Amino acid sequence: MRIFILSLLLQFRCGAELLSEMYGSLQSPNFPEPYPRDTELNWNISVPDGFRISLFFSHFDLEPSYLCEYDFVKVKADGEVLAVFCGKEETDTEEVPTQQVITSPRNSLSVQFVSDFSNEERFSGFMAHYSAVDVDECSQRSDEDQLCDHFCHNFIGGYYCSCRYGYQLHTDNHTCRVECSGAVFKERSGILSSINFPSPYPKSSDCSYRIEVEEGFRLRLQFDPRFDVEDHPDITCPYDHVKVGPSHSCPITHTLRCLLIGSVCQIQAGNKEFGPFCGDRSPGFIQTDSNVVSIQFHSDDSGENLGWRLSYTTKGSQCPVPKAPSNAVMVPIQSEYSFKDHVVFSCQPGFLLIQDGGMSDHLQLECQADGLWSGRPPRCHSKTRI
């Protein structure tokens, strides 16, 4: 009969108890009476995500031993031993909890109590209390390891992110992105840049810009020397992908396409491509043969790079330099003529200007978008022969 009762007692004293309340207590067997010999008990404490566990011993009285090799209480979390206690007073080889509070790194904690087969004195054991403690996720990250791009707000059991005005929270609920598509620039010159340049550009954003000037002009791009787009020391622009497609509004031979994607910029003008560009080396000057430029910028969810800026100007299609016929005067005289430039022909005294069978005092020709003059130079005939 004694053997049967002892067997039940041993089964009771060798097991694990699961504790999932927000607070509670645990104690050695028979507390406050002396604990039994040859016993092992485990308490596995778990609270919801967003909390840690605080453990405090209000009473502690175990058999002392060198390095706590006999009776002990062991506290562990995530496979790591946080503390091992034994005895009643602190010594060089024994540690007692005294008034210290043990806090788990995350939301689980285990406590193990072990007593060996002998117990020369009678020790009363321990009483411990635990409680869930809210984690302030916002204040526990460094500037380099922020949970939120802009603003972090802590609440009991968790946190949430918000963004500055003009930004939108990405679906990852951490990154602040911008809507920056659809802008069309129609002036013959201008400046455009990544958002916030020369401050870090937004993460996880897709920007689309379009420059469209009158047909007959060709666009010139000049990137600012300050160029800082995410790079890799060993691989050329590996982080984000580049997509280049034909323009929807004009033929491929009349379109410049540029994609600035997080770490990448690629430009296609007509059937010629430029890029990809990334790093801190500016692409510099790019001459296109198009009056339409599409620029797309995509940034990934990492990096604090400053971005890019470019200015653009236009240059008209060039017409051949005309020659003034005999006895004619042509103004203005220039080394080159471009789209929308004009020249005026008139005849010297004693001569009449004849063009297409008609006579006039002067004739004006314009350089057209296709690089041709609007007409042929006139002829000047002597009045005495008419």
Protein backbone atom coordinates (compact mmCIF):
# COMPACT_ATOMS: atom_id res chain seq x y z
CA MET A 1 0.00 0.00 0.00
CA ARG A 2 2.84 2.39 0.84
CA ILE A 3 4.48 1.65 -2.49
CA PHE A 4 1.25 2.52 -4.36
CA ILE A 5 0.84 5.84 -2.52
CA LEU A 6 4.51 6.71 -3.13
CA SER A 7 4.07 5.97 -6.81
CA LEU A 8 1.12 8.36 -7.07
CA LEU A 9 3.08 11.00 -5.18
CA LEU A 10 6.03 10.72 -7.53
CA GLN A 11 3.76 11.00 -10.56
CA PHE A 12 2.30 14.21 -9.12
CA ARG A 13 5.72 15.66 -8.47
CA CYS A 14 7.28 14.91 -11.87
CA GLY A 15 5.46 16.86 -14.55
CA ALA A 16 4.83 20.21 -16.24
CA GLU A 17 2.08 22.72 -15.54
CA LEU A 18 0.92 25.15 -18.23
CA LEU A 19 0.10 28.68 -17.05
CA SER A 20 -1.53 31.04 -19.57
CA GLU A 21 -3.26 33.65 -17.42
CA MET A 22 -2.05 37.26 -17.43
CA TYR A 23 -0.84 36.83 -13.85
CA GLY A 24 -0.49 34.08 -11.30
CA SER A 25 1.72 32.37 -8.74
CA LEU A 26 3.69 29.15 -8.34
CA GLN A 27 5.22 27.48 -5.32
CA SER A 28 7.21 24.49 -4.26
CA PRO A 29 5.25 21.36 -3.24
CA ASN A 30 3.73 21.53 0.27
CA PHE A 31 4.65 25.22 0.66
CA PRO A 32 5.00 26.62 3.33
CA GLU A 33 5.82 23.19 4.67
CA PRO A 34 9.18 21.67 3.66
CA TYR A 35 9.31 20.42 0.08
CA PRO A 36 9.77 16.67 -0.58
CA ARG A 37 12.93 14.97 -1.79
CA ASP A 38 13.68 13.65 -5.28
CA THR A 39 11.17 15.92 -7.01
CA GLU A 40 11.08 17.71 -10.34
CA LEU A 41 8.39 20.17 -11.35
CA ASN A 42 8.13 22.46 -14.38
CA TRP A 43 5.94 25.48 -15.01
CA ASN A 44 5.61 26.73 -18.60
CA ILE A 45 4.22 30.26 -18.59
CA SER A 46 2.86 31.82 -21.76
CA VAL A 47 1.13 35.18 -22.33
CA PRO A 48 -0.13 36.84 -25.57
CA ASP A 49 2.20 38.40 -28.13
CA GLY A 50 3.11 41.97 -27.28
CA PHE A 51 3.79 41.13 -23.64
CA ARG A 52 6.74 39.90 -21.61
CA ILE A 53 6.67 37.99 -18.33
CA SER A 54 7.87 39.45 -15.06
CA LEU A 55 8.80 36.89 -12.35
CA PHE A 56 9.35 37.79 -8.68
CA PHE A 57 10.14 35.51 -5.70
CA SER A 58 8.46 36.63 -2.47
CA HIS A 59 10.02 33.76 -0.47
CA PHE A 60 13.01 31.53 -1.18
CA ASP A 61 14.56 28.84 1.04
CA LEU A 62 16.32 25.90 -0.67
CA GLU A 63 19.14 23.58 0.32
CA PRO A 64 22.48 25.30 -0.35
CA SER A 65 25.11 23.53 -2.49
CA TYR A 66 28.19 24.34 -4.52
CA LEU A 67 27.01 25.81 -7.86
CA CYS A 68 23.48 24.69 -6.94
CA GLU A 69 24.15 21.07 -7.86
CA TYR A 70 21.64 19.59 -5.37
CA ASP A 71 18.35 21.47 -5.07
CA PHE A 72 17.69 24.43 -7.35
CA VAL A 73 15.22 26.58 -9.26
CA LYS A 74 16.14 27.24 -12.90
CA VAL A 75 14.49 29.96 -15.00
CA LYS A 76 14.71 29.67 -18.80
CA ALA A 77 13.36 31.44 -21.87
CA ASP A 78 13.85 30.66 -25.57
CA GLY A 79 16.27 27.88 -24.69
CA GLU A 80 18.50 30.23 -22.69
CA VAL A 81 19.06 29.96 -18.92
CA LEU A 82 18.23 33.28 -17.27
CA ALA A 83 19.00 32.29 -13.68
CA VAL A 84 19.73 29.37 -11.34
CA PHE A 85 18.93 29.85 -7.65
CA CYS A 86 19.55 27.80 -4.46
CA GLY A 87 20.26 28.32 -0.77
CA LYS A 88 18.93 31.10 1.38
CA GLU A 89 21.75 33.60 1.37
CA GLU A 90 23.97 34.67 -1.49
CA THR A 91 27.50 33.22 -1.53
CA ASP A 92 30.36 33.06 -4.03
CA THR A 93 28.88 29.91 -5.56
CA GLU A 94 25.16 30.26 -4.82
CA GLU A 95 22.68 32.86 -6.03
CA VAL A 96 19.33 33.67 -4.48
CA PRO A 97 16.63 35.84 -6.10
CA THR A 98 16.44 38.37 -3.18
CA GLN A 99 14.43 41.34 -4.53
CA GLN A 100 15.35 41.06 -8.20
CA VAL A 101 12.72 40.81 -10.92
CA ILE A 102 13.37 38.46 -13.84
CA THR A 103 11.89 39.53 -17.18
CA SER A 104 11.56 37.25 -20.17
CA PRO A 105 12.85 38.50 -23.55
CA ARG A 106 9.55 37.50 -25.19
CA ASN A 107 6.17 36.14 -24.20
CA SER A 108 7.13 32.76 -22.70
CA LEU A 109 9.06 31.61 -19.64
CA SER A 110 9.73 28.29 -17.94
CA VAL A 111 10.54 27.58 -14.28
CA GLN A 112 12.04 24.28 -13.16
CA PHE A 113 12.27 23.08 -9.56
CA VAL A 114 14.51 20.10 -8.71
CA SER A 115 15.28 18.49 -5.33
CA ASP A 116 17.70 15.60 -4.97
CA PHE A 117 17.32 12.36 -3.03
CA SER A 118 18.66 13.74 0.27
CA ASN A 119 17.68 16.60 2.47
CA GLU A 120 19.57 16.82 5.77
CA GLU A 121 17.58 19.84 6.94
CA ARG A 122 14.01 20.95 6.39
CA PHE A 123 13.73 23.78 3.83
CA SER A 124 10.44 25.55 3.20
CA GLY A 125 10.91 26.06 -0.55
CA PHE A 126 9.71 29.10 -2.50
CA MET A 127 6.77 31.25 -3.52
CA ALA A 128 6.92 33.16 -6.83
CA HIS A 129 4.56 35.47 -8.68
CA TYR A 130 4.41 36.30 -12.38
CA SER A 131 2.55 38.89 -14.44
CA ALA A 132 2.33 39.94 -18.08
CA VAL A 133 4.13 43.21 -18.76
CA ASP A 134 3.34 45.32 -21.81
CA VAL A 135 6.22 45.74 -24.27
CA ASP A 136 6.87 49.25 -25.56
CA GLU A 137 7.99 48.17 -29.01
CA CYS A 138 8.44 51.76 -30.18
CA SER A 139 11.09 52.70 -27.62
CA GLN A 140 13.11 49.50 -27.80
CA ARG A 141 14.47 49.96 -31.33
CA SER A 142 17.45 52.02 -32.40
CA ASP A 143 17.31 54.59 -35.20
CA GLU A 144 18.92 52.04 -37.50
CA ASP A 145 16.35 49.36 -36.64
CA GLN A 146 13.08 51.27 -36.49
CA LEU A 147 9.78 49.46 -36.55
CA CYS A 148 8.08 52.31 -38.39
CA ASP A 149 9.29 54.62 -41.12
CA HIS A 150 7.78 57.77 -39.59
CA PHE A 151 5.72 57.43 -36.40
CA CYS A 152 5.36 54.51 -33.96
CA HIS A 153 2.47 54.34 -31.47
CA ASN A 154 2.49 51.88 -28.59
CA PHE A 155 -0.65 50.41 -27.04
CA ILE A 156 -1.21 47.65 -24.49
CA GLY A 157 -0.25 44.43 -26.20
CA GLY A 158 1.12 45.92 -29.41
CA TYR A 159 1.87 48.98 -31.56
CA TYR A 160 0.94 50.55 -34.88
CA CYS A 161 2.65 52.83 -37.42
CA SER A 162 1.49 56.04 -39.07
CA CYS A 163 2.96 58.35 -41.71
CA ARG A 164 3.51 62.05 -42.22
CA TYR A 165 0.93 63.98 -44.23
CA GLY A 166 1.20 63.18 -47.92
CA TYR A 167 2.40 59.61 -47.37
CA GLN A 168 0.48 56.36 -47.26
CA LEU A 169 1.12 53.34 -45.08
CA HIS A 170 2.29 50.39 -47.15
CA THR A 171 0.52 47.04 -46.89
CA ASP A 172 3.41 45.83 -44.70
CA ASN A 173 2.05 48.27 -42.04
CA HIS A 174 5.58 49.58 -41.41
CA THR A 175 6.74 51.44 -44.51
CA CYS A 176 5.55 54.87 -45.61
CA ARG A 177 5.16 55.23 -49.37
CA VAL A 178 3.98 57.97 -51.72
CA GLU A 179 1.70 58.14 -54.72
CA CYS A 180 3.77 59.88 -57.35
CA SER A 181 2.49 58.78 -60.74
CA GLY A 182 0.82 60.59 -63.60
CA ALA A 183 2.77 63.87 -63.54
CA VAL A 184 3.27 65.27 -67.07
CA PHE A 185 5.78 68.05 -67.80
CA LYS A 186 5.07 69.98 -71.01
CA GLU A 187 7.34 73.00 -70.62
CA ARG A 188 10.42 73.09 -72.82
CA SER A 189 12.66 73.05 -69.76
CA GLY A 190 12.24 72.00 -66.17
CA ILE A 191 13.50 70.09 -63.13
CA LEU A 192 12.27 66.88 -61.56
CA SER A 193 13.65 64.67 -58.82
CA SER A 194 12.99 61.85 -56.42
CA ILE A 195 10.69 62.80 -53.55
CA ASN A 196 12.41 64.82 -50.80
CA PHE A 197 15.72 65.15 -52.67
CA PRO A 198 18.34 65.65 -51.28
CA SER A 199 16.79 63.94 -48.25
CA PRO A 200 16.14 60.18 -48.31
CA TYR A 201 13.44 59.17 -50.75
CA PRO A 202 10.39 57.14 -49.59
CA LYS A 203 10.58 53.35 -49.47
CA SER A 204 8.33 50.90 -51.32
CA SER A 205 7.14 53.51 -53.80
CA ASP A 206 6.51 53.52 -57.53
CA CYS A 207 6.83 56.88 -59.24
CA SER A 208 6.08 57.61 -62.87
CA TYR A 209 7.00 60.86 -64.60
CA ARG A 210 6.49 61.93 -68.20
CA ILE A 211 8.06 64.79 -70.13
CA GLU A 212 6.24 65.60 -73.35
CA VAL A 213 7.14 68.59 -75.49
CA GLU A 214 6.08 69.66 -78.96
CA GLU A 215 7.07 67.33 -81.75
CA GLY A 216 10.15 68.63 -83.48
CA PHE A 217 12.06 69.15 -80.25
CA ARG A 218 14.48 66.67 -78.75
CA LEU A 219 14.93 66.39 -75.03
CA ARG A 220 18.26 66.69 -73.20
CA LEU A 221 18.67 65.36 -69.66
CA GLN A 222 21.29 66.56 -67.21
CA PHE A 223 21.51 64.59 -63.95
CA ASP A 224 22.65 66.47 -60.86
CA PRO A 225 26.17 65.51 -59.67
CA ARG A 226 24.58 64.56 -56.35
CA PHE A 227 23.34 61.10 -57.20
CA ASP A 228 22.71 58.53 -54.47
CA VAL A 229 20.64 55.46 -55.34
CA GLU A 230 20.96 52.17 -53.45
CA ASP A 231 23.84 50.04 -54.70
CA HIS A 232 25.68 46.79 -53.96
CA PRO A 233 29.48 46.51 -53.63
CA ASP A 234 29.78 43.35 -55.72
CA ILE A 235 26.74 43.13 -58.00
CA THR A 236 25.45 45.80 -60.36
CA CYS A 237 22.09 47.13 -59.17
CA PRO A 238 20.72 43.79 -57.85
CA TYR A 239 17.98 44.80 -55.47
CA ASP A 240 15.08 45.85 -57.67
CA HIS A 241 13.99 44.83 -61.13
CA VAL A 242 13.74 46.97 -64.24
CA LYS A 243 10.75 46.90 -66.61
CA VAL A 244 10.98 48.69 -69.93
CA GLY A 245 7.97 48.78 -72.26
CA PRO A 246 6.99 50.73 -75.37
CA SER A 247 5.29 54.09 -75.01
CA HIS A 248 1.52 54.07 -75.39
CA SER A 249 1.39 57.45 -77.11
CA CYS A 250 4.19 57.44 -79.66
CA PRO A 251 6.35 54.96 -81.59
CA ILE A 252 9.26 53.26 -79.88
CA THR A 253 11.73 55.18 -82.02
CA HIS A 254 10.44 58.47 -80.59
CA THR A 255 10.36 57.55 -76.92
CA LEU A 256 12.86 57.79 -74.10
CA ARG A 257 12.16 55.43 -71.27
CA CYS A 258 13.91 55.67 -67.94
CA LEU A 259 13.35 53.46 -64.95
CA LEU A 260 14.83 54.44 -61.64
CA ILE A 261 13.98 51.44 -59.44
CA GLY A 262 15.28 51.58 -55.90
CA SER A 263 18.83 50.74 -56.90
CA VAL A 264 18.37 50.96 -60.68
CA CYS A 265 17.95 53.52 -63.40
CA GLN A 266 17.70 52.48 -67.04
CA ILE A 267 17.03 54.83 -69.94
CA GLN A 268 15.95 53.94 -73.46
CA ALA A 269 15.93 56.62 -76.16
CA GLY A 270 14.64 55.46 -79.52
CA ASN A 271 16.30 52.11 -80.01
CA LYS A 272 19.22 52.99 -77.73
CA GLU A 273 19.34 52.14 -74.02
CA PHE A 274 21.22 53.88 -71.22
CA GLY A 275 21.80 52.29 -67.82
CA PRO A 276 21.05 50.77 -65.48
CA PHE A 277 22.31 53.44 -63.13
CA CYS A 278 22.77 53.18 -59.36
CA GLY A 279 25.28 54.04 -56.69
CA ASP A 280 26.79 57.49 -56.24
CA ARG A 281 28.02 58.17 -59.78
CA SER A 282 25.78 60.54 -61.67
CA PRO A 283 24.71 59.51 -65.20
CA GLY A 284 25.54 63.09 -66.26
CA PHE A 285 24.31 64.37 -69.63
CA ILE A 286 22.03 62.32 -71.88
CA GLN A 287 20.99 63.50 -75.35
CA THR A 288 17.83 61.90 -76.69
CA ASP A 289 16.29 61.87 -80.14
CA SER A 290 12.77 62.08 -78.74
CA ASN A 291 10.22 64.67 -77.67
CA VAL A 292 8.72 62.27 -75.11
CA VAL A 293 10.45 60.99 -71.98
CA SER A 294 9.00 58.50 -69.48
CA ILE A 295 10.69 58.14 -66.09
CA GLN A 296 9.65 55.52 -63.54
CA PHE A 297 11.15 55.29 -60.08
CA HIS A 298 10.63 52.32 -57.77
CA SER A 299 12.19 52.01 -54.33
CA ASP A 300 12.25 48.84 -52.25
CA ASP A 301 11.64 48.56 -48.51
CA SER A 302 15.19 49.25 -47.36
CA GLY A 303 17.88 51.91 -47.58
CA GLU A 304 18.29 55.56 -46.65
CA ASN A 305 19.67 56.93 -49.91
CA LEU A 306 19.27 60.56 -50.95
CA GLY A 307 18.01 60.03 -54.50
CA TRP A 308 18.48 61.97 -57.72
CA ARG A 309 17.56 65.13 -59.56
CA LEU A 310 17.70 66.06 -63.23
CA SER A 311 17.06 69.13 -65.32
CA TYR A 312 15.88 68.92 -68.89
CA THR A 313 16.08 71.24 -71.88
CA THR A 314 15.00 70.94 -75.49
CA LYS A 315 16.73 71.32 -78.80
CA GLY A 316 14.79 71.66 -82.03
CA SER A 317 15.33 69.55 -85.11
CA GLN A 318 18.09 71.07 -87.24
CA CYS A 319 17.55 72.29 -90.78
CA PRO A 320 20.38 72.65 -93.33
CA VAL A 321 21.94 76.10 -93.49
CA PRO A 322 20.28 77.85 -96.49
CA LYS A 323 22.25 79.78 -99.07
CA ALA A 324 21.15 83.17 -100.28
CA PRO A 325 20.75 83.20 -104.10
CA SER A 326 22.49 85.78 -106.30
CA ASN A 327 21.46 89.38 -105.70
CA ALA A 328 19.51 88.34 -102.59
CA VAL A 329 19.83 89.26 -98.91
CA MET A 330 19.12 86.68 -96.17
CA VAL A 331 18.62 87.48 -92.48
CA PRO A 332 19.48 86.31 -89.93
CA ILE A 333 22.69 84.56 -90.82
CA GLN A 334 23.51 81.79 -88.32
CA SER A 335 25.88 78.85 -88.13
CA GLU A 336 22.91 76.51 -87.55
CA TYR A 337 19.12 76.62 -87.68
CA SER A 338 16.72 74.65 -85.52
CA PHE A 339 13.01 73.95 -85.40
CA LYS A 340 10.92 77.17 -85.42
CA ASP A 341 13.86 79.32 -86.53
CA HIS A 342 13.13 81.41 -89.64
CA VAL A 343 15.00 83.32 -92.34
CA VAL A 344 13.76 86.25 -94.46
CA PHE A 345 14.89 86.75 -98.05
CA SER A 346 14.77 90.06 -99.90
CA CYS A 347 16.43 91.33 -103.09
CA GLN A 348 19.02 94.01 -103.59
CA PRO A 349 17.96 97.32 -105.19
CA GLY A 350 17.08 96.91 -108.85
CA PHE A 351 15.93 93.35 -108.42
CA LEU A 352 12.56 91.72 -107.76
CA LEU A 353 11.91 88.61 -105.70
CA ILE A 354 10.13 85.89 -107.64
CA GLN A 355 8.86 82.68 -106.01
CA ASP A 356 6.50 80.12 -107.58
CA GLY A 357 5.66 82.50 -110.40
CA GLY A 358 4.75 85.41 -108.16
CA MET A 359 6.58 88.58 -107.06
CA SER A 360 6.89 90.06 -103.58
CA ASP A 361 9.12 92.27 -101.46
CA HIS A 362 10.32 89.45 -99.21
CA LEU A 363 9.88 85.76 -98.43
CA GLN A 364 10.02 84.08 -95.00
CA LEU A 365 10.90 80.39 -94.59
CA GLU A 366 10.57 78.42 -91.35
CA CYS A 367 12.55 75.42 -90.10
CA GLN A 368 9.98 72.64 -89.62
CA ALA A 369 9.71 69.75 -87.17
CA ASP A 370 10.96 67.29 -89.79
CA GLY A 371 14.20 69.24 -90.27
CA LEU A 372 13.17 70.70 -93.63
CA TRP A 373 12.49 74.31 -94.62
CA SER A 374 8.94 75.36 -95.39
CA GLY A 375 9.93 76.28 -98.94
CA ARG A 376 12.75 76.88 -101.39
CA PRO A 377 14.91 80.02 -101.47
CA PRO A 378 13.55 82.58 -103.97
CA ARG A 379 15.18 84.04 -107.07
CA CYS A 380 15.99 87.69 -107.66
CA HIS A 381 15.48 88.99 -111.22
CA SER A 382 16.61 92.32 -112.62
CA LYS A 383 13.75 94.77 -113.09
CA THR A 384 15.06 95.72 -116.51
CA ARG A 385 14.56 92.15 -117.76
CA ILE A 386 10.99 91.76 -116.56
